C-alpha atoms as a PDB file:
ATOM      1  CA  MET A   1      -6.668 -22.940   5.445  1.00  0.00           C
ATOM      2  CA  LYS A   2      -4.652 -21.637   2.560  1.00  0.00           C
ATOM      3  CA  ARG A   3      -3.391 -18.090   1.887  1.00  0.00           C
ATOM      4  CA  LEU A   4      -4.154 -17.214  -1.567  1.00  0.00           C
ATOM      5  CA  PHE A   5      -3.017 -13.773  -2.834  1.00  0.00           C
ATOM      6  CA  ALA A   6      -2.789 -11.843  -6.055  1.00  0.00           C
ATOM      7  CA  GLY A   7      -1.963  -8.264  -7.398  1.00  0.00           C
ATOM      8  CA  ALA A   8      -2.411  -6.219 -10.509  1.00  0.00           C
ATOM      9  CA  THR A   9      -1.429  -2.615 -11.330  1.00  0.00           C
ATOM     10  CA  ASP A  10      -2.649  -0.612 -14.311  1.00  0.00           C
ATOM     11  CA  THR A  11      -1.507   3.162 -15.307  1.00  0.00           C
ATOM     12  CA  GLY A  12      -5.660   4.750 -15.208  1.00  0.00           C
ATOM     13  CA  CYS A  13      -7.252   6.447 -17.725  1.00  0.00           C
ATOM     14  CA  VAL A  14      -5.245   9.884 -17.400  1.00  0.00           C
ATOM     15  CA  ARG A  15      -1.756   9.288 -16.369  1.00  0.00           C
ATOM     16  CA  SER A  16       1.042   8.722 -18.981  1.00  0.00           C
ATOM     17  CA  ALA A  17       2.931   6.710 -17.150  1.00  0.00           C
ATOM     18  CA  ASN A  18       2.706   4.181 -14.028  1.00  0.00           C
ATOM     19  CA  GLN A  19       4.286   5.566 -10.735  1.00  0.00           C
ATOM     20  CA  ASP A  20       3.192   2.563  -8.584  1.00  0.00           C
ATOM     21  CA  SER A  21       5.021  -0.370  -7.617  1.00  0.00           C
ATOM     22  CA  TYR A  22       4.413  -3.510  -5.826  1.00  0.00           C
ATOM     23  CA  HIS A  23       5.908  -6.995  -5.180  1.00  0.00           C
ATOM     24  CA  ILE A  24       4.234  -9.955  -3.908  1.00  0.00           C
ATOM     25  CA  ASP A  25       6.770 -12.318  -2.510  1.00  0.00           C
ATOM     26  CA  PRO A  26       6.362 -16.212  -4.331  1.00  0.00           C
ATOM     27  CA  GLU A  27       6.172 -17.813  -1.319  1.00  0.00           C
ATOM     28  CA  GLY A  28       3.412 -15.395   0.466  1.00  0.00           C
ATOM     29  CA  ARG A  29       5.741 -14.245   3.234  1.00  0.00           C
ATOM     30  CA  PHE A  30       5.562 -10.550   2.377  1.00  0.00           C
ATOM     31  CA  PHE A  31       3.776  -7.632   0.224  1.00  0.00           C
ATOM     32  CA  VAL A  32       4.810  -4.465  -0.846  1.00  0.00           C
ATOM     33  CA  VAL A  33       2.604  -1.426  -2.428  1.00  0.00           C
ATOM     34  CA  ALA A  34       4.386   2.019  -3.473  1.00  0.00           C
ATOM     35  CA  ASP A  35       2.843   5.268  -4.682  1.00  0.00           C
ATOM     36  CA  GLY A  36       5.443   7.799  -6.113  1.00  0.00           C
ATOM     37  CA  MET A  37       5.385  11.392  -6.404  1.00  0.00           C
ATOM     38  CA  GLY A  38       7.822  13.954  -7.812  1.00  0.00           C
ATOM     39  CA  GLY A  39       7.393  14.502 -11.514  1.00  0.00           C
ATOM     40  CA  HIS A  40       6.956  11.282 -14.086  1.00  0.00           C
ATOM     41  CA  ALA A  41      10.650   9.931 -13.798  1.00  0.00           C
ATOM     42  CA  GLY A  42      10.881  10.774 -10.093  1.00  0.00           C
ATOM     43  CA  GLY A  43       7.898   8.773  -8.982  1.00  0.00           C
ATOM     44  CA  GLU A  44       8.085   5.808 -10.845  1.00  0.00           C
ATOM     45  CA  VAL A  45      12.032   5.445  -9.573  1.00  0.00           C
ATOM     46  CA  ALA A  46      11.252   6.208  -5.853  1.00  0.00           C
ATOM     47  CA  SER A  47       8.301   3.685  -5.758  1.00  0.00           C
ATOM     48  CA  GLN A  48      10.513   0.995  -7.350  1.00  0.00           C
ATOM     49  CA  ILE A  49      13.575   1.611  -5.189  1.00  0.00           C
ATOM     50  CA  ALA A  50      11.478   1.128  -2.075  1.00  0.00           C
ATOM     51  CA  VAL A  51       9.908  -2.065  -3.451  1.00  0.00           C
ATOM     52  CA  ASP A  52      13.522  -3.363  -4.302  1.00  0.00           C
ATOM     53  CA  SER A  53      14.796  -2.204  -1.538  1.00  0.00           C
ATOM     54  CA  ILE A  54      12.151  -3.724   1.023  1.00  0.00           C
ATOM     55  CA  ARG A  55      12.409  -6.880  -1.120  1.00  0.00           C
ATOM     56  CA  ALA A  56      16.347  -7.422  -0.967  1.00  0.00           C
ATOM     57  CA  CYS A  57      16.350  -6.458   2.922  1.00  0.00           C
ATOM     58  CA  LEU A  58      13.480  -8.707   3.829  1.00  0.00           C
ATOM     59  CA  GLU A  59      14.901 -11.853   1.883  1.00  0.00           C
ATOM     60  CA  SER A  60      18.246 -11.324   3.588  1.00  0.00           C
ATOM     61  CA  LEU A  61      17.328 -10.894   7.059  1.00  0.00           C
ATOM     62  CA  TRP A  62      14.175 -13.486   6.745  1.00  0.00           C
ATOM     63  CA  ASP A  63      16.076 -16.228   8.419  1.00  0.00           C
ATOM     64  CA  VAL A  64      18.426 -14.069  10.305  1.00  0.00           C
ATOM     65  CA  GLU A  65      15.885 -11.536  12.347  1.00  0.00           C
ATOM     66  CA  THR A  66      13.326 -13.013  14.384  1.00  0.00           C
ATOM     67  CA  ASP A  67      12.022 -10.009  16.001  1.00  0.00           C
ATOM     68  CA  VAL A  68       9.306  -8.777  13.162  1.00  0.00           C
ATOM     69  CA  PRO A  69       9.026  -5.064  14.152  1.00  0.00           C
ATOM     70  CA  LYS A  70      13.178  -4.501  13.742  1.00  0.00           C
ATOM     71  CA  LEU A  71      13.050  -6.738  10.609  1.00  0.00           C
ATOM     72  CA  MET A  72      10.339  -4.360   9.101  1.00  0.00           C
ATOM     73  CA  GLN A  73      12.132  -1.242  10.642  1.00  0.00           C
ATOM     74  CA  ASP A  74      15.162  -2.019   8.969  1.00  0.00           C
ATOM     75  CA  ALA A  75      13.746  -2.639   5.569  1.00  0.00           C
ATOM     76  CA  ILE A  76      11.724   0.926   5.488  1.00  0.00           C
ATOM     77  CA  ASP A  77      15.054   2.536   7.024  1.00  0.00           C
ATOM     78  CA  LYS A  78      16.892   1.062   4.005  1.00  0.00           C
ATOM     79  CA  ALA A  79      14.311   2.328   1.272  1.00  0.00           C
ATOM     80  CA  ASN A  80      14.506   5.548   2.505  1.00  0.00           C
ATOM     81  CA  GLN A  81      17.997   5.795   2.808  1.00  0.00           C
ATOM     82  CA  ALA A  82      18.358   4.440  -0.747  1.00  0.00           C
ATOM     83  CA  ILE A  83      16.139   7.144  -2.206  1.00  0.00           C
ATOM     84  CA  ILE A  84      18.003   9.822  -0.441  1.00  0.00           C
ATOM     85  CA  ASN A  85      20.802   8.410  -2.133  1.00  0.00           C
ATOM     86  CA  ASP A  86      19.749   8.412  -5.227  1.00  0.00           C
ATOM     87  CA  GLN A  87      18.261  12.078  -5.068  1.00  0.00           C
ATOM     88  CA  MET A  88      22.058  13.192  -3.824  1.00  0.00           C
ATOM     89  CA  SER A  89      23.170  11.489  -6.927  1.00  0.00           C
ATOM     90  CA  ASN A  90      20.497  12.805  -9.450  1.00  0.00           C
ATOM     91  CA  PRO A  91      19.517  16.327  -8.463  1.00  0.00           C
ATOM     92  CA  VAL A  92      16.637  16.179 -11.207  1.00  0.00           C
ATOM     93  CA  ARG A  93      15.021  14.022  -8.646  1.00  0.00           C
ATOM     94  CA  SER A  94      15.659  16.011  -5.626  1.00  0.00           C
ATOM     95  CA  ASP A  95      12.172  16.017  -4.576  1.00  0.00           C
ATOM     96  CA  MET A  96      10.888  12.261  -5.286  1.00  0.00           C
ATOM     97  CA  GLY A  97       9.161  10.518  -2.762  1.00  0.00           C
ATOM     98  CA  THR A  98       6.659   7.355  -2.335  1.00  0.00           C
ATOM     99  CA  THR A  99       4.328   5.998  -0.110  1.00  0.00           C
ATOM    100  CA  VAL A 100       4.777   2.666   1.185  1.00  0.00           C
ATOM    101  CA  VAL A 101       2.989  -0.479   2.693  1.00  0.00           C
ATOM    102  CA  VAL A 102       4.742  -3.599   3.701  1.00  0.00           C
ATOM    103  CA  LEU A 103       2.361  -6.534   4.647  1.00  0.00           C
ATOM    104  CA  VAL A 104       4.629  -9.436   6.660  1.00  0.00           C
ATOM    105  CA  PHE A 105       3.481 -13.263   7.565  1.00  0.00           C
ATOM    106  CA  ARG A 106       5.480 -14.537  10.213  1.00  0.00           C
ATOM    107  CA  ASP A 107       4.222 -17.804  11.561  1.00  0.00           C
ATOM    108  CA  GLU A 108       1.243 -17.152   9.614  1.00  0.00           C
ATOM    109  CA  GLN A 109       0.867 -14.106  11.896  1.00  0.00           C
ATOM    110  CA  PRO A 110       0.506 -10.989   9.827  1.00  0.00           C
ATOM    111  CA  TRP A 111       2.264  -7.773  10.759  1.00  0.00           C
ATOM    112  CA  PHE A 112       1.733  -4.617   8.574  1.00  0.00           C
ATOM    113  CA  CYS A 113       3.636  -1.201   8.809  1.00  0.00           C
ATOM    114  CA  HIS A 114       3.107   1.664   6.464  1.00  0.00           C
ATOM    115  CA  ILE A 115       4.091   5.832   5.187  1.00  0.00           C
ATOM    116  CA  GLY A 116       2.136   7.802   3.561  1.00  0.00           C
ATOM    117  CA  ASP A 117      -1.756   6.967   2.462  1.00  0.00           C
ATOM    118  CA  SER A 118      -1.407   4.242   0.190  1.00  0.00           C
ATOM    119  CA  ARG A 119      -3.871   1.680   2.504  1.00  0.00           C
ATOM    120  CA  LEU A 120      -4.378  -1.638   4.069  1.00  0.00           C
ATOM    121  CA  TYR A 121      -7.844  -2.839   4.505  1.00  0.00           C
ATOM    122  CA  ARG A 122      -9.383  -6.292   6.147  1.00  0.00           C
ATOM    123  CA  LEU A 123     -12.616  -7.625   4.759  1.00  0.00           C
ATOM    124  CA  ARG A 124     -14.278  -9.499   7.351  1.00  0.00           C
ATOM    125  CA  GLY A 125     -17.676 -10.801   6.286  1.00  0.00           C
ATOM    126  CA  ALA A 126     -19.036  -7.721   4.561  1.00  0.00           C
ATOM    127  CA  LYS A 127     -17.717  -5.195   6.659  1.00  0.00           C
ATOM    128  CA  LEU A 128     -14.421  -3.360   5.312  1.00  0.00           C
ATOM    129  CA  GLU A 129     -12.104  -2.083   7.999  1.00  0.00           C
ATOM    130  CA  GLN A 130      -9.187   0.506   6.938  1.00  0.00           C
ATOM    131  CA  ILE A 131      -6.282  -0.991   9.000  1.00  0.00           C
ATOM    132  CA  SER A 132      -3.743   1.544   8.426  1.00  0.00           C
ATOM    133  CA  ASP A 133      -4.075   5.173   8.836  1.00  0.00           C
ATOM    134  CA  ASP A 134      -3.600   7.941   6.425  1.00  0.00           C
ATOM    135  CA  HIS A 135      -0.169  10.257   6.934  1.00  0.00           C
ATOM    136  CA  THR A 136      -1.895  13.174   5.282  1.00  0.00           C
ATOM    137  CA  TRP A 137      -2.886  16.925   6.528  1.00  0.00           C
ATOM    138  CA  ILE A 138      -6.703  16.024   5.688  1.00  0.00           C
ATOM    139  CA  ALA A 139      -6.401  13.132   7.838  1.00  0.00           C
ATOM    140  CA  ARG A 140      -5.048  15.078  11.139  1.00  0.00           C
ATOM    141  CA  ALA A 141      -7.958  17.625  10.380  1.00  0.00           C
ATOM    142  CA  ILE A 142     -10.690  15.423  10.523  1.00  0.00           C
ATOM    143  CA  GLN A 143      -9.543  14.204  13.825  1.00  0.00           C
ATOM    144  CA  THR A 144      -8.936  17.611  15.183  1.00  0.00           C
ATOM    145  CA  GLY A 145     -12.113  18.532  13.734  1.00  0.00           C
ATOM    146  CA  VAL A 146     -11.065  21.127  11.617  1.00  0.00           C
ATOM    147  CA  VAL A 147     -12.374  19.417   8.410  1.00  0.00           C
ATOM    148  CA  ASN A 148     -15.294  17.198   8.363  1.00  0.00           C
ATOM    149  CA  ALA A 149     -15.445  13.877   6.496  1.00  0.00           C
ATOM    150  CA  ASP A 150     -18.112  14.967   3.863  1.00  0.00           C
ATOM    151  CA  ASP A 151     -15.997  18.621   2.962  1.00  0.00           C
ATOM    152  CA  ALA A 152     -12.474  16.060   3.328  1.00  0.00           C
ATOM    153  CA  LYS A 153     -13.575  13.897   0.158  1.00  0.00           C
ATOM    154  CA  SER A 154     -12.977  17.399  -1.982  1.00  0.00           C
ATOM    155  CA  HIS A 155     -10.232  19.206  -0.010  1.00  0.00           C
ATOM    156  CA  PRO A 156      -8.092  20.715  -2.087  1.00  0.00           C
ATOM    157  CA  TRP A 157      -5.282  19.491   0.198  1.00  0.00           C
ATOM    158  CA  ARG A 158      -6.598  16.142   0.828  1.00  0.00           C
ATOM    159  CA  HIS A 159      -3.370  14.326  -1.199  1.00  0.00           C
ATOM    160  CA  MET A 160      -0.933  16.331   1.386  1.00  0.00           C
ATOM    161  CA  LEU A 161       1.328  14.121   2.824  1.00  0.00           C
ATOM    162  CA  LEU A 162       2.861  14.576   6.179  1.00  0.00           C
ATOM    163  CA  GLN A 163       5.289  11.604   5.609  1.00  0.00           C
ATOM    164  CA  CYS A 164       6.608   9.572   2.646  1.00  0.00           C
ATOM    165  CA  LEU A 165       9.957   7.486   1.829  1.00  0.00           C
ATOM    166  CA  GLY A 166      12.719  10.014   0.589  1.00  0.00           C
ATOM    167  CA  ARG A 167      13.185  12.492   3.602  1.00  0.00           C
ATOM    168  CA  GLU A 168      15.979  12.777   6.287  1.00  0.00           C
ATOM    169  CA  ASP A 169      13.422  13.589   8.622  1.00  0.00           C
ATOM    170  CA  LEU A 170      11.297  10.558   8.323  1.00  0.00           C
ATOM    171  CA  LYS A 171       9.663   9.701  11.911  1.00  0.00           C
ATOM    172  CA  ALA A 172      10.015   5.898  12.795  1.00  0.00           C
ATOM    173  CA  THR A 173       7.823   3.455  11.941  1.00  0.00           C
ATOM    174  CA  SER A 174       5.621   1.181  14.194  1.00  0.00           C
ATOM    175  CA  ALA A 175       5.014  -2.257  13.066  1.00  0.00           C
ATOM    176  CA  LYS A 176       1.905  -3.892  14.053  1.00  0.00           C
ATOM    177  CA  GLU A 177       0.494  -7.229  14.471  1.00  0.00           C
ATOM    178  CA  ILE A 178      -2.858  -7.861  12.748  1.00  0.00           C
ATOM    179  CA  GLU A 179      -6.191 -10.605  13.962  1.00  0.00           C
ATOM    180  CA  TRP A 180      -7.197 -12.475  10.986  1.00  0.00           C
ATOM    181  CA  GLN A 181      -9.517 -15.309  11.195  1.00  0.00           C
ATOM    182  CA  PRO A 182     -10.230 -18.162   8.479  1.00  0.00           C
ATOM    183  CA  GLY A 183     -12.373 -16.074   5.694  1.00  0.00           C
ATOM    184  CA  ASP A 184     -10.576 -12.655   5.977  1.00  0.00           C
ATOM    185  CA  ARG A 185      -9.119 -10.876   3.043  1.00  0.00           C
ATOM    186  CA  PHE A 186      -6.286  -8.473   3.302  1.00  0.00           C
ATOM    187  CA  LEU A 187      -6.374  -5.389   0.263  1.00  0.00           C
ATOM    188  CA  ILE A 188      -3.280  -3.543  -0.050  1.00  0.00           C
ATOM    189  CA  CYS A 189      -4.016  -0.501  -2.768  1.00  0.00           C
ATOM    190  CA  SER A 190      -2.865   2.827  -3.862  1.00  0.00           C
ATOM    191  CA  ASP A 191      -5.007   5.887  -3.440  1.00  0.00           C
ATOM    192  CA  GLY A 192      -5.605   5.709  -6.967  1.00  0.00           C
ATOM    193  CA  LEU A 193      -8.322   2.773  -6.020  1.00  0.00           C
ATOM    194  CA  THR A 194     -10.041   4.845  -2.952  1.00  0.00           C
ATOM    195  CA  GLU A 195     -10.791   7.982  -4.725  1.00  0.00           C
ATOM    196  CA  GLU A 196     -12.393   6.463  -6.954  1.00  0.00           C
ATOM    197  CA  LEU A 197     -14.664   3.674  -5.146  1.00  0.00           C
ATOM    198  CA  SER A 198     -15.978   4.194  -2.015  1.00  0.00           C
ATOM    199  CA  ASP A 199     -15.323   1.564   0.801  1.00  0.00           C
ATOM    200  CA  ASP A 200     -18.937   0.125   0.384  1.00  0.00           C
ATOM    201  CA  ARG A 201     -18.152  -0.551  -3.590  1.00  0.00           C
ATOM    202  CA  ILE A 202     -14.466  -2.027  -2.402  1.00  0.00           C
ATOM    203  CA  ALA A 203     -16.371  -4.467  -0.135  1.00  0.00           C
ATOM    204  CA  HIS A 204     -18.838  -5.521  -2.657  1.00  0.00           C
ATOM    205  CA  GLN A 205     -16.353  -6.568  -5.020  1.00  0.00           C
ATOM    206  CA  LEU A 206     -14.079  -8.103  -2.756  1.00  0.00           C
ATOM    207  CA  LYS A 207     -16.736 -10.485  -0.987  1.00  0.00           C
ATOM    208  CA  SER A 208     -18.659 -11.353  -4.466  1.00  0.00           C
ATOM    209  CA  ILE A 209     -15.678 -12.287  -6.307  1.00  0.00           C
ATOM    210  CA  ARG A 210     -13.663 -15.048  -4.535  1.00  0.00           C
ATOM    211  CA  ASN A 211     -10.484 -15.325  -7.118  1.00  0.00           C
ATOM    212  CA  CYS A 212      -7.956 -13.044  -6.101  1.00  0.00           C
ATOM    213  CA  GLN A 213      -6.528 -12.078  -9.822  1.00  0.00           C
ATOM    214  CA  GLN A 214     -10.102 -11.326 -10.741  1.00  0.00           C
ATOM    215  CA  ALA A 215     -10.957  -9.552  -7.999  1.00  0.00           C
ATOM    216  CA  ALA A 216      -7.864  -7.314  -8.115  1.00  0.00           C
ATOM    217  CA  GLN A 217      -8.920  -6.674 -11.825  1.00  0.00           C
ATOM    218  CA  ALA A 218     -12.129  -5.897 -11.577  1.00  0.00           C
ATOM    219  CA  LEU A 219     -11.108  -3.277  -8.775  1.00  0.00           C
ATOM    220  CA  ILE A 220      -8.957  -1.712 -10.915  1.00  0.00           C
ATOM    221  CA  GLU A 221     -11.785  -1.442 -13.906  1.00  0.00           C
ATOM    222  CA  SER A 222     -14.215  -0.426 -11.770  1.00  0.00           C
ATOM    223  CA  ALA A 223     -11.861   2.657 -10.606  1.00  0.00           C
ATOM    224  CA  LYS A 224     -11.080   3.208 -14.365  1.00  0.00           C
ATOM    225  CA  LEU A 225     -14.748   3.247 -15.211  1.00  0.00           C
ATOM    226  CA  ARG A 226     -15.249   5.659 -12.751  1.00  0.00           C
ATOM    227  CA  GLY A 227     -12.301   8.117 -14.287  1.00  0.00           C
ATOM    228  CA  GLY A 228      -9.079   6.199 -13.357  1.00  0.00           C
ATOM    229  CA  ARG A 229      -7.713   9.729 -12.442  1.00  0.00           C
ATOM    230  CA  ASP A 230      -4.360   8.483 -10.927  1.00  0.00           C
ATOM    231  CA  ASN A 231      -2.274   4.985 -11.220  1.00  0.00           C
ATOM    232  CA  ILE A 232      -4.238   1.896  -9.655  1.00  0.00           C
ATOM    233  CA  THR A 233      -2.578  -0.782  -7.790  1.00  0.00           C
ATOM    234  CA  VAL A 234      -4.401  -3.822  -5.776  1.00  0.00           C
ATOM    235  CA  VAL A 235      -2.860  -6.574  -4.141  1.00  0.00           C
ATOM    236  CA  ILE A 236      -5.547  -9.272  -2.395  1.00  0.00           C
ATOM    237  CA  VAL A 237      -4.374 -11.791   0.023  1.00  0.00           C
ATOM    238  CA  SER A 238      -6.985 -13.987   1.373  1.00  0.00           C
ATOM    239  CA  ASN A 239      -7.135 -16.849   4.233  1.00  0.00           C
ATOM    240  CA  GLU A 240      -9.467 -19.299   2.596  1.00  0.00           C
ATOM    241  CA  LEU A 241     -11.523 -21.499   4.139  1.00  0.00           C
ATOM    242  CA  ASN A 242     -11.455 -23.921   1.422  1.00  0.00           C
ATOM    243  CA  PRO A 243      -7.867 -24.630  -0.165  1.00  0.00           C
ATOM    244  CA  GLN A 244      -9.762 -25.588  -3.500  1.00  0.00           C
ATOM    245  CA  SER A 245     -11.250 -22.548  -3.561  1.00  0.00           C
END
C-alpha cells in the first residue's frame, strides 16, 4: 500500500481574492486546510497564519512529542495565539478568524482535529462519509430539531460559526483517531466546495478519478461550473492498494 496525496485551491468565480490556505507536508505526515474570514486582507492573513503556525509547530515537535492529541492541541493553540497577536498589532484585522482542519499520520494511523466548518470526508467504496462535524449555528439547529436538513441548505444563518481560530474563548479541540482501510480516500475541503456540490457528486468524482491531483482539480472545476461563489480548496489523501496507480 502507498499513501498518495495532492491539493489545489482556487479563488472561484465571484471573489476577488483567495482567503483559503493549505499545506501538504512533502513527506505526507500532515495536511492542513484553513478558510479565513474578516474582510479581504483579514481572511487571507488569518488562514495563512494558521497554516504556517501549525506547520511550524508540527515540524518542530514531530520527533519530540509522541502524544498525538497533545501535539495537535499545541499546534492549534499556537495558531490561535498567533492570530490573536496579529489582531492586537493590527486593529484593522481585529475581527479576522479562520476555520482549520488538520489531518496527521503517525505510524500510518490517521488523526484529525478541526475548528469551524471546513470538512474532512472519507470515501470508502462509493460511500462518502463526513468525519468532521460543523461548528456552526445551523449544524446545532439541525441536531436540536430547530431547523430541518432541507431548510438548512438555504438558511441565511448557515454560515454562522460557533468556533473559529482567532478567539480568546476558543474551546479545547479533541483530536480523534480515524479508521481507514486500503482503497479509502480522505478529502479535506473548504465550504466553497460543499456549498456548490452535493455529497453524491463529490463521491462520484472522487471514486471515478483515481489520480489525486486530477481529482482535486476536477472537483474545483465542477464547483466553479455550479457558480463558484466562494474560494475553493481541496486536499485528497489516498490509501492506494496498488503503489503504481
